[in-house]
PDB file of all heavy atoms in Angstrom:
ATOM      1  N   ASN A   1      -6.313   9.965   4.540  1.00  0.00           N
ATOM      2  CA  ASN A   1      -5.935  10.698   3.281  1.00  0.00           C
ATOM      3  C   ASN A   1      -5.510   9.489   2.279  1.00  0.00           C
ATOM      4  O   ASN A   1      -4.349   9.149   2.143  1.00  0.00           O
ATOM      5  CB  ASN A   1      -4.803  11.694   3.332  1.00  0.00           C
ATOM      6  CG  ASN A   1      -5.264  12.842   4.190  1.00  0.00           C
ATOM      7  OD1 ASN A   1      -6.254  13.358   4.031  1.00  0.00           O
ATOM      8  ND2 ASN A   1      -4.330  13.316   5.157  1.00  0.00           N
ATOM      9  N   TRP A   2      -6.526   8.820   1.682  1.00  0.00           N
ATOM     10  CA  TRP A   2      -6.263   7.752   0.772  1.00  0.00           C
ATOM     11  C   TRP A   2      -5.490   8.233  -0.413  1.00  0.00           C
ATOM     12  O   TRP A   2      -5.830   9.308  -0.969  1.00  0.00           O
ATOM     13  CB  TRP A   2      -7.581   7.172   0.334  1.00  0.00           C
ATOM     14  CG  TRP A   2      -8.311   6.395   1.424  1.00  0.00           C
ATOM     15  CD1 TRP A   2      -9.412   6.896   2.153  1.00  0.00           C
ATOM     16  CD2 TRP A   2      -8.082   5.106   2.018  1.00  0.00           C
ATOM     17  NE1 TRP A   2      -9.880   5.971   3.013  1.00  0.00           N
ATOM     18  CE2 TRP A   2      -8.988   4.887   3.001  1.00  0.00           C
ATOM     19  CE3 TRP A   2      -7.071   4.176   1.727  1.00  0.00           C
ATOM     20  CZ2 TRP A   2      -9.037   3.699   3.704  1.00  0.00           C
ATOM     21  CZ3 TRP A   2      -7.143   2.988   2.469  1.00  0.00           C
ATOM     22  CH2 TRP A   2      -7.997   2.785   3.453  1.00  0.00           C
ATOM     23  N   ILE A   3      -4.532   7.467  -0.857  1.00  0.00           N
ATOM     24  CA  ILE A   3      -3.724   7.737  -2.043  1.00  0.00           C
ATOM     25  C   ILE A   3      -4.225   6.756  -3.126  1.00  0.00           C
ATOM     26  O   ILE A   3      -4.206   5.574  -2.943  1.00  0.00           O
ATOM     27  CB  ILE A   3      -2.235   7.599  -1.755  1.00  0.00           C
ATOM     28  CG1 ILE A   3      -1.770   8.374  -0.559  1.00  0.00           C
ATOM     29  CG2 ILE A   3      -1.407   7.880  -3.080  1.00  0.00           C
ATOM     30  CD1 ILE A   3      -1.727   9.911  -0.850  1.00  0.00           C
ATOM     31  N   TYR A   4      -4.495   7.392  -4.351  1.00  0.00           N
ATOM     32  CA  TYR A   4      -4.883   6.490  -5.458  1.00  0.00           C
ATOM     33  C   TYR A   4      -3.692   5.877  -6.081  1.00  0.00           C
ATOM     34  O   TYR A   4      -2.707   6.446  -6.358  1.00  0.00           O
ATOM     35  CB  TYR A   4      -5.597   7.391  -6.448  1.00  0.00           C
ATOM     36  CG  TYR A   4      -6.015   6.646  -7.702  1.00  0.00           C
ATOM     37  CD1 TYR A   4      -7.130   5.866  -7.793  1.00  0.00           C
ATOM     38  CD2 TYR A   4      -5.182   6.737  -8.857  1.00  0.00           C
ATOM     39  CE1 TYR A   4      -7.509   5.224  -8.946  1.00  0.00           C
ATOM     40  CE2 TYR A   4      -5.490   5.999 -10.045  1.00  0.00           C
ATOM     41  CZ  TYR A   4      -6.660   5.246 -10.051  1.00  0.00           C
ATOM     42  OH  TYR A   4      -7.003   4.652 -11.254  1.00  0.00           O
ATOM     43  N   ASN A   5      -3.801   4.523  -6.298  1.00  0.00           N
ATOM     44  CA  ASN A   5      -2.728   3.766  -7.021  1.00  0.00           C
ATOM     45  C   ASN A   5      -3.499   3.187  -8.261  1.00  0.00           C
ATOM     46  O   ASN A   5      -4.613   2.562  -8.071  1.00  0.00           O
ATOM     47  CB  ASN A   5      -2.237   2.619  -6.191  1.00  0.00           C
ATOM     48  CG  ASN A   5      -1.102   3.077  -5.321  1.00  0.00           C
ATOM     49  OD1 ASN A   5      -0.664   4.194  -5.316  1.00  0.00           O
ATOM     50  ND2 ASN A   5      -0.704   2.156  -4.392  1.00  0.00           N
ATOM     51  N   ASN A   6      -2.843   3.199  -9.384  1.00  0.00           N
ATOM     52  CA  ASN A   6      -3.432   2.693 -10.570  1.00  0.00           C
ATOM     53  C   ASN A   6      -3.517   1.107 -10.585  1.00  0.00           C
ATOM     54  O   ASN A   6      -4.074   0.584 -11.463  1.00  0.00           O
ATOM     55  CB  ASN A   6      -2.710   3.212 -11.852  1.00  0.00           C
ATOM     56  CG  ASN A   6      -3.498   3.189 -13.078  1.00  0.00           C
ATOM     57  OD1 ASN A   6      -4.681   3.263 -13.046  1.00  0.00           O
ATOM     58  ND2 ASN A   6      -2.860   2.968 -14.164  1.00  0.00           N
ATOM     59  N   SER A   7      -2.840   0.518  -9.658  1.00  0.00           N
ATOM     60  CA  SER A   7      -2.696  -0.975  -9.629  1.00  0.00           C
ATOM     61  C   SER A   7      -2.812  -1.413  -8.219  1.00  0.00           C
ATOM     62  O   SER A   7      -2.484  -0.692  -7.278  1.00  0.00           O
ATOM     63  CB  SER A   7      -1.356  -1.308 -10.226  1.00  0.00           C
ATOM     64  OG  SER A   7      -1.149  -2.776 -10.161  1.00  0.00           O
ATOM     65  N   THR A   8      -3.168  -2.697  -8.013  1.00  0.00           N
ATOM     66  CA  THR A   8      -3.264  -3.311  -6.641  1.00  0.00           C
ATOM     67  C   THR A   8      -1.862  -3.692  -6.158  1.00  0.00           C
ATOM     68  O   THR A   8      -1.698  -3.895  -4.968  1.00  0.00           O
ATOM     69  CB  THR A   8      -4.202  -4.461  -6.589  1.00  0.00           C
ATOM     70  OG1 THR A   8      -3.743  -5.409  -7.622  1.00  0.00           O
ATOM     71  CG2 THR A   8      -5.581  -4.093  -6.816  1.00  0.00           C
ATOM     72  N   ILE A   9      -0.896  -3.808  -7.057  1.00  0.00           N
ATOM     73  CA  ILE A   9       0.448  -4.130  -6.660  1.00  0.00           C
ATOM     74  C   ILE A   9       1.539  -3.320  -7.418  1.00  0.00           C
ATOM     75  O   ILE A   9       1.157  -2.697  -8.421  1.00  0.00           O
ATOM     76  CB  ILE A   9       0.750  -5.626  -6.858  1.00  0.00           C
ATOM     77  CG1 ILE A   9       0.630  -5.988  -8.360  1.00  0.00           C
ATOM     78  CG2 ILE A   9      -0.161  -6.472  -6.006  1.00  0.00           C
ATOM     79  CD1 ILE A   9       1.157  -7.325  -8.697  1.00  0.00           C
ATOM     80  N   HIS A  10       2.777  -3.363  -6.959  1.00  0.00           N
ATOM     81  CA  HIS A  10       3.836  -2.808  -7.760  1.00  0.00           C
ATOM     82  C   HIS A  10       4.113  -3.670  -8.939  1.00  0.00           C
ATOM     83  O   HIS A  10       4.144  -4.859  -8.792  1.00  0.00           O
ATOM     84  CB  HIS A  10       5.100  -2.691  -6.855  1.00  0.00           C
ATOM     85  CG  HIS A  10       4.992  -1.840  -5.663  1.00  0.00           C
ATOM     86  ND1 HIS A  10       4.849  -0.400  -5.813  1.00  0.00           N
ATOM     87  CD2 HIS A  10       4.964  -2.045  -4.363  1.00  0.00           C
ATOM     88  CE1 HIS A  10       4.712   0.058  -4.584  1.00  0.00           C
ATOM     89  NE2 HIS A  10       4.758  -0.868  -3.694  1.00  0.00           N
ATOM     90  N   LYS A  11       4.269  -3.085 -10.069  1.00  0.00           N
ATOM     91  CA  LYS A  11       4.401  -3.866 -11.301  1.00  0.00           C
ATOM     92  C   LYS A  11       5.595  -4.827 -11.194  1.00  0.00           C
ATOM     93  O   LYS A  11       5.568  -5.931 -11.784  1.00  0.00           O
ATOM     94  CB  LYS A  11       4.584  -2.959 -12.522  1.00  0.00           C
ATOM     95  CG  LYS A  11       3.363  -2.107 -12.825  1.00  0.00           C
ATOM     96  CD  LYS A  11       2.251  -3.009 -13.180  1.00  0.00           C
ATOM     97  CE  LYS A  11       0.944  -2.113 -13.507  1.00  0.00           C
ATOM     98  NZ  LYS A  11      -0.204  -2.935 -13.571  1.00  0.00           N
ATOM     99  N   ASN A  12       6.654  -4.542 -10.505  1.00  0.00           N
ATOM    100  CA  ASN A  12       7.773  -5.489 -10.362  1.00  0.00           C
ATOM    101  C   ASN A  12       7.522  -6.662  -9.436  1.00  0.00           C
ATOM    102  O   ASN A  12       8.303  -7.563  -9.327  1.00  0.00           O
ATOM    103  CB  ASN A  12       9.079  -4.719 -10.019  1.00  0.00           C
ATOM    104  CG  ASN A  12       8.943  -4.072  -8.654  1.00  0.00           C
ATOM    105  OD1 ASN A  12       7.806  -3.905  -8.104  1.00  0.00           O
ATOM    106  ND2 ASN A  12      10.042  -3.748  -8.081  1.00  0.00           N
ATOM    107  N   ASP A  13       6.301  -6.638  -8.756  1.00  0.00           N
ATOM    108  CA  ASP A  13       6.018  -7.706  -7.800  1.00  0.00           C
ATOM    109  C   ASP A  13       5.160  -8.734  -8.490  1.00  0.00           C
ATOM    110  O   ASP A  13       4.737  -9.736  -7.867  1.00  0.00           O
ATOM    111  CB  ASP A  13       5.276  -7.167  -6.552  1.00  0.00           C
ATOM    112  CG  ASP A  13       6.257  -6.369  -5.703  1.00  0.00           C
ATOM    113  OD1 ASP A  13       7.465  -6.453  -5.860  1.00  0.00           O
ATOM    114  OD2 ASP A  13       5.729  -5.506  -4.878  1.00  0.00           O
ATOM    115  N   ILE A  14       4.737  -8.647  -9.755  1.00  0.00           N
ATOM    116  CA  ILE A  14       3.856  -9.577 -10.382  1.00  0.00           C
ATOM    117  C   ILE A  14       4.555 -10.926 -10.517  1.00  0.00           C
ATOM    118  O   ILE A  14       5.707 -10.996 -10.955  1.00  0.00           O
ATOM    119  CB  ILE A  14       3.476  -9.001 -11.819  1.00  0.00           C
ATOM    120  CG1 ILE A  14       2.591  -7.776 -11.574  1.00  0.00           C
ATOM    121  CG2 ILE A  14       2.719 -10.158 -12.613  1.00  0.00           C
ATOM    122  CD1 ILE A  14       2.237  -7.116 -12.898  1.00  0.00           C
ATOM    123  N   THR A  15       3.865 -11.939 -10.058  1.00  0.00           N
ATOM    124  CA  THR A  15       4.350 -13.332 -10.221  1.00  0.00           C
ATOM    125  C   THR A  15       3.493 -14.191 -11.119  1.00  0.00           C
ATOM    126  O   THR A  15       3.856 -15.246 -11.465  1.00  0.00           O
ATOM    127  CB  THR A  15       4.463 -13.999  -8.775  1.00  0.00           C
ATOM    128  OG1 THR A  15       3.253 -14.028  -8.224  1.00  0.00           O
ATOM    129  CG2 THR A  15       5.493 -13.288  -7.931  1.00  0.00           C
ATOM    130  N   SER A  16       2.313 -13.672 -11.408  1.00  0.00           N
ATOM    131  CA  SER A  16       1.412 -14.439 -12.230  1.00  0.00           C
ATOM    132  C   SER A  16       0.319 -13.549 -12.771  1.00  0.00           C
ATOM    133  O   SER A  16       0.222 -12.331 -12.413  1.00  0.00           O
ATOM    134  CB  SER A  16       0.783 -15.530 -11.366  1.00  0.00           C
ATOM    135  OG  SER A  16      -0.072 -16.403 -12.124  1.00  0.00           O
ATOM    136  N   ASP A  17      -0.491 -14.091 -13.594  1.00  0.00           N
ATOM    137  CA  ASP A  17      -1.600 -13.272 -14.205  1.00  0.00           C
ATOM    138  C   ASP A  17      -2.717 -13.124 -13.207  1.00  0.00           C
ATOM    139  O   ASP A  17      -2.794 -13.753 -12.198  1.00  0.00           O
ATOM    140  CB  ASP A  17      -2.041 -13.886 -15.512  1.00  0.00           C
ATOM    141  CG  ASP A  17      -2.566 -15.258 -15.419  1.00  0.00           C
ATOM    142  OD1 ASP A  17      -2.409 -15.870 -14.286  1.00  0.00           O
ATOM    143  OD2 ASP A  17      -3.242 -15.727 -16.320  1.00  0.00           O
ATOM    144  N   GLY A  18      -3.695 -12.373 -13.585  1.00  0.00           N
ATOM    145  CA  GLY A  18      -4.893 -12.048 -12.739  1.00  0.00           C
ATOM    146  C   GLY A  18      -5.470 -10.713 -13.213  1.00  0.00           C
ATOM    147  O   GLY A  18      -4.937 -10.080 -14.098  1.00  0.00           O
ATOM    148  N   ILE A  19      -6.492 -10.319 -12.558  1.00  0.00           N
ATOM    149  CA  ILE A  19      -7.177  -9.049 -12.909  1.00  0.00           C
ATOM    150  C   ILE A  19      -6.531  -7.936 -12.009  1.00  0.00           C
ATOM    151  O   ILE A  19      -6.456  -8.140 -10.844  1.00  0.00           O
ATOM    152  CB  ILE A  19      -8.729  -9.149 -12.651  1.00  0.00           C
ATOM    153  CG1 ILE A  19      -9.262 -10.141 -13.588  1.00  0.00           C
ATOM    154  CG2 ILE A  19      -9.351  -7.846 -12.805  1.00  0.00           C
ATOM    155  CD1 ILE A  19     -10.706 -10.488 -13.372  1.00  0.00           C
ATOM    156  N   ASP A  20      -6.122  -6.912 -12.644  1.00  0.00           N
ATOM    157  CA  ASP A  20      -5.603  -5.812 -11.859  1.00  0.00           C
ATOM    158  C   ASP A  20      -6.587  -4.676 -11.852  1.00  0.00           C
ATOM    159  O   ASP A  20      -7.449  -4.521 -12.831  1.00  0.00           O
ATOM    160  CB  ASP A  20      -4.268  -5.359 -12.460  1.00  0.00           C
ATOM    161  CG  ASP A  20      -3.426  -4.502 -11.466  1.00  0.00           C
ATOM    162  OD1 ASP A  20      -3.785  -4.436 -10.283  1.00  0.00           O
ATOM    163  OD2 ASP A  20      -2.344  -4.062 -11.823  1.00  0.00           O
ATOM    164  N   CYS A  21      -6.638  -3.943 -10.844  1.00  0.00           N
ATOM    165  CA  CYS A  21      -7.582  -2.794 -10.737  1.00  0.00           C
ATOM    166  C   CYS A  21      -6.929  -1.730  -9.874  1.00  0.00           C
ATOM    167  O   CYS A  21      -6.018  -1.979  -9.076  1.00  0.00           O
ATOM    168  CB  CYS A  21      -8.939  -3.255 -10.202  1.00  0.00           C
ATOM    169  SG  CYS A  21      -8.940  -3.661  -8.457  1.00  0.00           S
ATOM    170  N   PRO A  22      -7.466  -0.568  -9.850  1.00  0.00           N
ATOM    171  CA  PRO A  22      -6.929   0.555  -9.004  1.00  0.00           C
ATOM    172  C   PRO A  22      -7.342   0.218  -7.574  1.00  0.00           C
ATOM    173  O   PRO A  22      -8.319  -0.454  -7.334  1.00  0.00           O
ATOM    174  CB  PRO A  22      -7.709   1.727  -9.526  1.00  0.00           C
ATOM    175  CG  PRO A  22      -8.346   1.387 -10.848  1.00  0.00           C
ATOM    176  CD  PRO A  22      -8.452  -0.009 -10.877  1.00  0.00           C
ATOM    177  N   GLN A  23      -6.547   0.764  -6.684  1.00  0.00           N
ATOM    178  CA  GLN A  23      -6.916   0.782  -5.235  1.00  0.00           C
ATOM    179  C   GLN A  23      -6.439   2.006  -4.563  1.00  0.00           C
ATOM    180  O   GLN A  23      -5.644   2.743  -5.070  1.00  0.00           O
ATOM    181  CB  GLN A  23      -6.349  -0.504  -4.548  1.00  0.00           C
ATOM    182  CG  GLN A  23      -4.849  -0.361  -4.312  1.00  0.00           C
ATOM    183  CD  GLN A  23      -4.398  -1.602  -3.470  1.00  0.00           C
ATOM    184  OE1 GLN A  23      -5.123  -2.443  -3.121  1.00  0.00           O
ATOM    185  NE2 GLN A  23      -3.086  -1.644  -3.235  1.00  0.00           N
ATOM    186  N   PHE A  24      -6.982   2.222  -3.376  1.00  0.00           N
ATOM    187  CA  PHE A  24      -6.587   3.398  -2.591  1.00  0.00           C
ATOM    188  C   PHE A  24      -5.735   2.828  -1.438  1.00  0.00           C
ATOM    189  O   PHE A  24      -6.112   1.768  -0.887  1.00  0.00           O
ATOM    190  CB  PHE A  24      -7.847   4.128  -2.070  1.00  0.00           C
ATOM    191  CG  PHE A  24      -8.571   4.795  -3.146  1.00  0.00           C
ATOM    192  CD1 PHE A  24      -9.663   4.018  -3.804  1.00  0.00           C
ATOM    193  CD2 PHE A  24      -8.315   6.008  -3.557  1.00  0.00           C
ATOM    194  CE1 PHE A  24     -10.412   4.681  -4.777  1.00  0.00           C
ATOM    195  CE2 PHE A  24      -9.083   6.624  -4.595  1.00  0.00           C
ATOM    196  CZ  PHE A  24     -10.127   5.873  -5.231  1.00  0.00           C
ATOM    197  N   VAL A  25      -4.654   3.544  -1.139  1.00  0.00           N
ATOM    198  CA  VAL A  25      -3.705   3.102  -0.164  1.00  0.00           C
ATOM    199  C   VAL A  25      -3.447   4.157   0.940  1.00  0.00           C
ATOM    200  O   VAL A  25      -3.365   5.352   0.586  1.00  0.00           O
ATOM    201  CB  VAL A  25      -2.371   2.665  -0.799  1.00  0.00           C
ATOM    202  CG1 VAL A  25      -1.326   2.168   0.220  1.00  0.00           C
ATOM    203  CG2 VAL A  25      -2.622   1.558  -1.749  1.00  0.00           C
ATOM    204  N   PHE A  26      -3.275   3.711   2.133  1.00  0.00           N
ATOM    205  CA  PHE A  26      -2.852   4.571   3.292  1.00  0.00           C
ATOM    206  C   PHE A  26      -1.720   3.815   3.954  1.00  0.00           C
ATOM    207  O   PHE A  26      -1.929   2.903   4.658  1.00  0.00           O
ATOM    208  CB  PHE A  26      -4.024   4.876   4.226  1.00  0.00           C
ATOM    209  CG  PHE A  26      -3.633   5.681   5.399  1.00  0.00           C
ATOM    210  CD1 PHE A  26      -3.370   7.072   5.266  1.00  0.00           C
ATOM    211  CD2 PHE A  26      -3.562   5.182   6.655  1.00  0.00           C
ATOM    212  CE1 PHE A  26      -3.093   7.796   6.326  1.00  0.00           C
ATOM    213  CE2 PHE A  26      -3.275   5.905   7.786  1.00  0.00           C
ATOM    214  CZ  PHE A  26      -3.005   7.272   7.590  1.00  0.00           C
ATOM    215  N   THR A  27      -0.452   4.325   3.692  1.00  0.00           N
ATOM    216  CA  THR A  27       0.697   3.697   4.224  1.00  0.00           C
ATOM    217  C   THR A  27       1.007   4.246   5.613  1.00  0.00           C
ATOM    218  O   THR A  27       1.088   5.487   5.782  1.00  0.00           O
ATOM    219  CB  THR A  27       1.926   3.869   3.330  1.00  0.00           C
ATOM    220  OG1 THR A  27       1.633   3.324   2.003  1.00  0.00           O
ATOM    221  CG2 THR A  27       3.164   3.262   3.850  1.00  0.00           C
ATOM    222  N   MET A  28       1.179   3.367   6.594  1.00  0.00           N
ATOM    223  CA  MET A  28       1.540   3.809   7.993  1.00  0.00           C
ATOM    224  C   MET A  28       3.006   3.451   8.367  1.00  0.00           C
ATOM    225  O   MET A  28       3.489   4.212   9.089  1.00  0.00           O
ATOM    226  CB  MET A  28       0.502   3.076   8.920  1.00  0.00           C
ATOM    227  CG  MET A  28      -0.926   3.501   8.811  1.00  0.00           C
ATOM    228  SD  MET A  28      -2.111   2.434   9.571  1.00  0.00           S
ATOM    229  CE  MET A  28      -2.346   1.177   8.301  1.00  0.00           C
ATOM    230  N   VAL A  29       3.484   2.389   7.820  1.00  0.00           N
ATOM    231  CA  VAL A  29       4.959   2.022   8.102  1.00  0.00           C
ATOM    232  C   VAL A  29       5.453   1.506   6.784  1.00  0.00           C
ATOM    233  O   VAL A  29       4.887   0.646   6.084  1.00  0.00           O
ATOM    234  CB  VAL A  29       5.032   0.828   9.155  1.00  0.00           C
ATOM    235  CG1 VAL A  29       6.438   0.410   9.240  1.00  0.00           C
ATOM    236  CG2 VAL A  29       4.464   1.393  10.497  1.00  0.00           C
ATOM    237  N   ASP A  30       6.635   1.977   6.442  1.00  0.00           N
ATOM    238  CA  ASP A  30       7.394   1.500   5.231  1.00  0.00           C
ATOM    239  C   ASP A  30       8.831   1.871   5.576  1.00  0.00           C
ATOM    240  O   ASP A  30       9.264   3.005   5.465  1.00  0.00           O
ATOM    241  CB  ASP A  30       6.947   2.207   3.971  1.00  0.00           C
ATOM    242  CG  ASP A  30       7.559   1.586   2.790  1.00  0.00           C
ATOM    243  OD1 ASP A  30       8.736   1.085   2.847  1.00  0.00           O
ATOM    244  OD2 ASP A  30       6.923   1.572   1.709  1.00  0.00           O
ATOM    245  N   THR A  31       9.587   0.861   5.960  1.00  0.00           N
ATOM    246  CA  THR A  31      10.993   1.062   6.366  1.00  0.00           C
ATOM    247  C   THR A  31      11.861   1.626   5.236  1.00  0.00           C
ATOM    248  O   THR A  31      12.805   2.371   5.488  1.00  0.00           O
ATOM    249  CB  THR A  31      11.651  -0.172   6.968  1.00  0.00           C
ATOM    250  OG1 THR A  31      11.522  -1.270   5.998  1.00  0.00           O
ATOM    251  CG2 THR A  31      10.988  -0.620   8.283  1.00  0.00           C
ATOM    252  N   GLU A  32      11.548   1.220   3.975  1.00  0.00           N
ATOM    253  CA  GLU A  32      12.332   1.671   2.875  1.00  0.00           C
ATOM    254  C   GLU A  32      12.083   3.127   2.546  1.00  0.00           C
ATOM    255  O   GLU A  32      12.958   3.847   2.088  1.00  0.00           O
ATOM    256  CB  GLU A  32      11.921   0.842   1.574  1.00  0.00           C
ATOM    257  CG  GLU A  32      12.461  -0.541   1.675  1.00  0.00           C
ATOM    258  CD  GLU A  32      12.167  -1.342   0.356  1.00  0.00           C
ATOM    259  OE1 GLU A  32      11.664  -0.683  -0.594  1.00  0.00           O
ATOM    260  OE2 GLU A  32      12.453  -2.521   0.368  1.00  0.00           O
ATOM    261  N   ARG A  33      10.905   3.664   2.872  1.00  0.00           N
ATOM    262  CA  ARG A  33      10.610   5.075   2.660  1.00  0.00           C
ATOM    263  C   ARG A  33      10.551   5.907   3.934  1.00  0.00           C
ATOM    264  O   ARG A  33      10.190   7.098   3.845  1.00  0.00           O
ATOM    265  CB  ARG A  33       9.258   5.208   1.916  1.00  0.00           C
ATOM    266  CG  ARG A  33       9.287   4.524   0.551  1.00  0.00           C
ATOM    267  CD  ARG A  33       8.057   4.787  -0.261  1.00  0.00           C
ATOM    268  NE  ARG A  33       6.835   4.405   0.487  1.00  0.00           N
ATOM    269  CZ  ARG A  33       5.623   4.758   0.193  1.00  0.00           C
ATOM    270  NH1 ARG A  33       5.380   5.602  -0.814  1.00  0.00           N
ATOM    271  NH2 ARG A  33       4.619   4.338   0.821  1.00  0.00           N
ATOM    272  N   ASN A  34      11.073   5.333   5.039  1.00  0.00           N
ATOM    273  CA  ASN A  34      11.124   6.124   6.265  1.00  0.00           C
ATOM    274  C   ASN A  34       9.743   6.581   6.763  1.00  0.00           C
ATOM    275  O   ASN A  34       9.684   7.670   7.282  1.00  0.00           O
ATOM    276  CB  ASN A  34      12.093   7.210   6.234  1.00  0.00           C
ATOM    277  CG  ASN A  34      13.224   7.007   7.199  1.00  0.00           C
ATOM    278  OD1 ASN A  34      13.284   6.081   7.958  1.00  0.00           O
ATOM    279  ND2 ASN A  34      14.145   7.970   7.279  1.00  0.00           N
ATOM    280  N   ILE A  35       8.699   5.791   6.636  1.00  0.00           N
ATOM    281  CA  ILE A  35       7.384   6.149   7.053  1.00  0.00           C
ATOM    282  C   ILE A  35       7.049   5.379   8.259  1.00  0.00           C
ATOM    283  O   ILE A  35       7.267   4.179   8.285  1.00  0.00           O
ATOM    284  CB  ILE A  35       6.268   5.889   6.000  1.00  0.00           C
ATOM    285  CG1 ILE A  35       6.595   6.710   4.737  1.00  0.00           C
ATOM    286  CG2 ILE A  35       4.919   6.178   6.553  1.00  0.00           C
ATOM    287  CD1 ILE A  35       5.720   6.358   3.484  1.00  0.00           C
ATOM    288  N   ASN A  36       6.709   6.111   9.363  1.00  0.00           N
ATOM    289  CA  ASN A  36       6.406   5.331  10.602  1.00  0.00           C
ATOM    290  C   ASN A  36       5.276   6.139  11.383  1.00  0.00           C
ATOM    291  O   ASN A  36       5.571   7.041  12.151  1.00  0.00           O
ATOM    292  CB  ASN A  36       7.614   5.172  11.423  1.00  0.00           C
ATOM    293  CG  ASN A  36       7.454   4.279  12.675  1.00  0.00           C
ATOM    294  OD1 ASN A  36       6.377   3.675  12.843  1.00  0.00           O
ATOM    295  ND2 ASN A  36       8.432   4.144  13.455  1.00  0.00           N
ATOM    296  N   PHE A  37       4.065   5.796  11.142  1.00  0.00           N
ATOM    297  CA  PHE A  37       2.912   6.387  11.812  1.00  0.00           C
ATOM    298  C   PHE A  37       1.917   5.392  12.066  1.00  0.00           C
ATOM    299  O   PHE A  37       1.318   4.819  11.065  1.00  0.00           O
ATOM    300  CB  PHE A  37       2.366   7.588  11.032  1.00  0.00           C
ATOM    301  CG  PHE A  37       1.023   8.012  11.553  1.00  0.00           C
ATOM    302  CD1 PHE A  37       0.854   8.671  12.812  1.00  0.00           C
ATOM    303  CD2 PHE A  37      -0.182   7.619  10.868  1.00  0.00           C
ATOM    304  CE1 PHE A  37      -0.393   9.035  13.219  1.00  0.00           C
ATOM    305  CE2 PHE A  37      -1.421   7.954  11.332  1.00  0.00           C
ATOM    306  CZ  PHE A  37      -1.504   8.718  12.523  1.00  0.00           C
ATOM    307  N   LEU A  38       1.642   4.944  13.291  1.00  0.00           N
ATOM    308  CA  LEU A  38       0.552   4.019  13.619  1.00  0.00           C
ATOM    309  C   LEU A  38      -0.478   4.691  14.449  1.00  0.00           C
ATOM    310  O   LEU A  38      -0.103   5.155  15.609  1.00  0.00           O
ATOM    311  CB  LEU A  38       1.120   2.808  14.361  1.00  0.00           C
ATOM    312  CG  LEU A  38       1.942   1.774  13.489  1.00  0.00           C
ATOM    313  CD1 LEU A  38       2.437   0.618  14.376  1.00  0.00           C
ATOM    314  CD2 LEU A  38       1.104   1.207  12.337  1.00  0.00           C
ATOM    315  N   PRO A  39      -1.710   4.753  13.976  1.00  0.00           N
ATOM    316  CA  PRO A  39      -2.781   5.356  14.829  1.00  0.00           C
ATOM    317  C   PRO A  39      -2.988   4.511  16.067  1.00  0.00           C
ATOM    318  O   PRO A  39      -2.657   3.334  15.997  1.00  0.00           O
ATOM    319  CB  PRO A  39      -4.009   5.326  13.934  1.00  0.00           C
ATOM    320  CG  PRO A  39      -3.530   4.971  12.523  1.00  0.00           C
ATOM    321  CD  PRO A  39      -2.183   4.379  12.646  1.00  0.00           C
ATOM    322  N   ASP A  40      -3.469   5.077  17.031  1.00  0.00           N
ATOM    323  CA  ASP A  40      -3.671   4.362  18.343  1.00  0.00           C
ATOM    324  C   ASP A  40      -4.556   3.099  18.153  1.00  0.00           C
ATOM    325  O   ASP A  40      -4.256   2.084  18.773  1.00  0.00           O
ATOM    326  CB  ASP A  40      -4.411   5.272  19.376  1.00  0.00           C
ATOM    327  CG  ASP A  40      -3.519   6.350  19.922  1.00  0.00           C
ATOM    328  OD1 ASP A  40      -2.251   6.251  19.838  1.00  0.00           O
ATOM    329  OD2 ASP A  40      -4.040   7.329  20.495  1.00  0.00           O
ATOM    330  N   CYS A  41      -5.538   3.123  17.358  1.00  0.00           N
ATOM    331  CA  CYS A  41      -6.408   1.952  17.143  1.00  0.00           C
ATOM    332  C   CYS A  41      -5.532   0.793  16.483  1.00  0.00           C
ATOM    333  O   CYS A  41      -5.788  -0.322  16.809  1.00  0.00           O
ATOM    334  CB  CYS A  41      -7.622   2.308  16.275  1.00  0.00           C
ATOM    335  SG  CYS A  41      -7.365   2.910  14.576  1.00  0.00           S
ATOM    336  N   VAL A  42      -4.643   1.156  15.639  1.00  0.00           N
ATOM    337  CA  VAL A  42      -3.829   0.089  15.037  1.00  0.00           C
ATOM    338  C   VAL A  42      -2.779  -0.444  16.073  1.00  0.00           C
ATOM    339  O   VAL A  42      -2.504  -1.647  16.087  1.00  0.00           O
ATOM    340  CB  VAL A  42      -3.147   0.604  13.764  1.00  0.00           C
ATOM    341  CG1 VAL A  42      -2.165  -0.463  13.173  1.00  0.00           C
ATOM    342  CG2 VAL A  42      -4.133   1.007  12.698  1.00  0.00           C
ATOM    343  N   ILE A  43      -2.290   0.432  16.870  1.00  0.00           N
ATOM    344  CA  ILE A  43      -1.376  -0.025  17.956  1.00  0.00           C
ATOM    345  C   ILE A  43      -2.161  -0.971  18.839  1.00  0.00           C
ATOM    346  O   ILE A  43      -1.616  -1.997  19.273  1.00  0.00           O
ATOM    347  CB  ILE A  43      -0.791   1.138  18.755  1.00  0.00           C
ATOM    348  CG1 ILE A  43       0.182   1.953  17.859  1.00  0.00           C
ATOM    349  CG2 ILE A  43      -0.150   0.698  20.032  1.00  0.00           C
ATOM    350  CD1 ILE A  43       0.602   3.267  18.442  1.00  0.00           C
ATOM    351  N   ASN A  44      -3.382  -0.702  19.253  1.00  0.00           N
ATOM    352  CA  ASN A  44      -4.159  -1.517  20.065  1.00  0.00           C
ATOM    353  C   ASN A  44      -4.402  -2.903  19.371  1.00  0.00           C
ATOM    354  O   ASN A  44      -4.425  -3.961  20.018  1.00  0.00           O
ATOM    355  CB  ASN A  44      -5.504  -0.883  20.483  1.00  0.00           C
ATOM    356  CG  ASN A  44      -5.269   0.365  21.382  1.00  0.00           C
ATOM    357  OD1 ASN A  44      -4.346   0.359  22.108  1.00  0.00           O
ATOM    358  ND2 ASN A  44      -6.255   1.209  21.393  1.00  0.00           N
TER     359      ASN A  44
END
């Protein structure tokens, strides 16, 4: 279930210029947001 993001990075993480574009994200682990799901293929 890809999630659409309008940017390739979080705006507060920008350290330099470059081309930004949308991307699709599927988060499996994020300790700040309490997400923890790793599919078997990723565990392997």
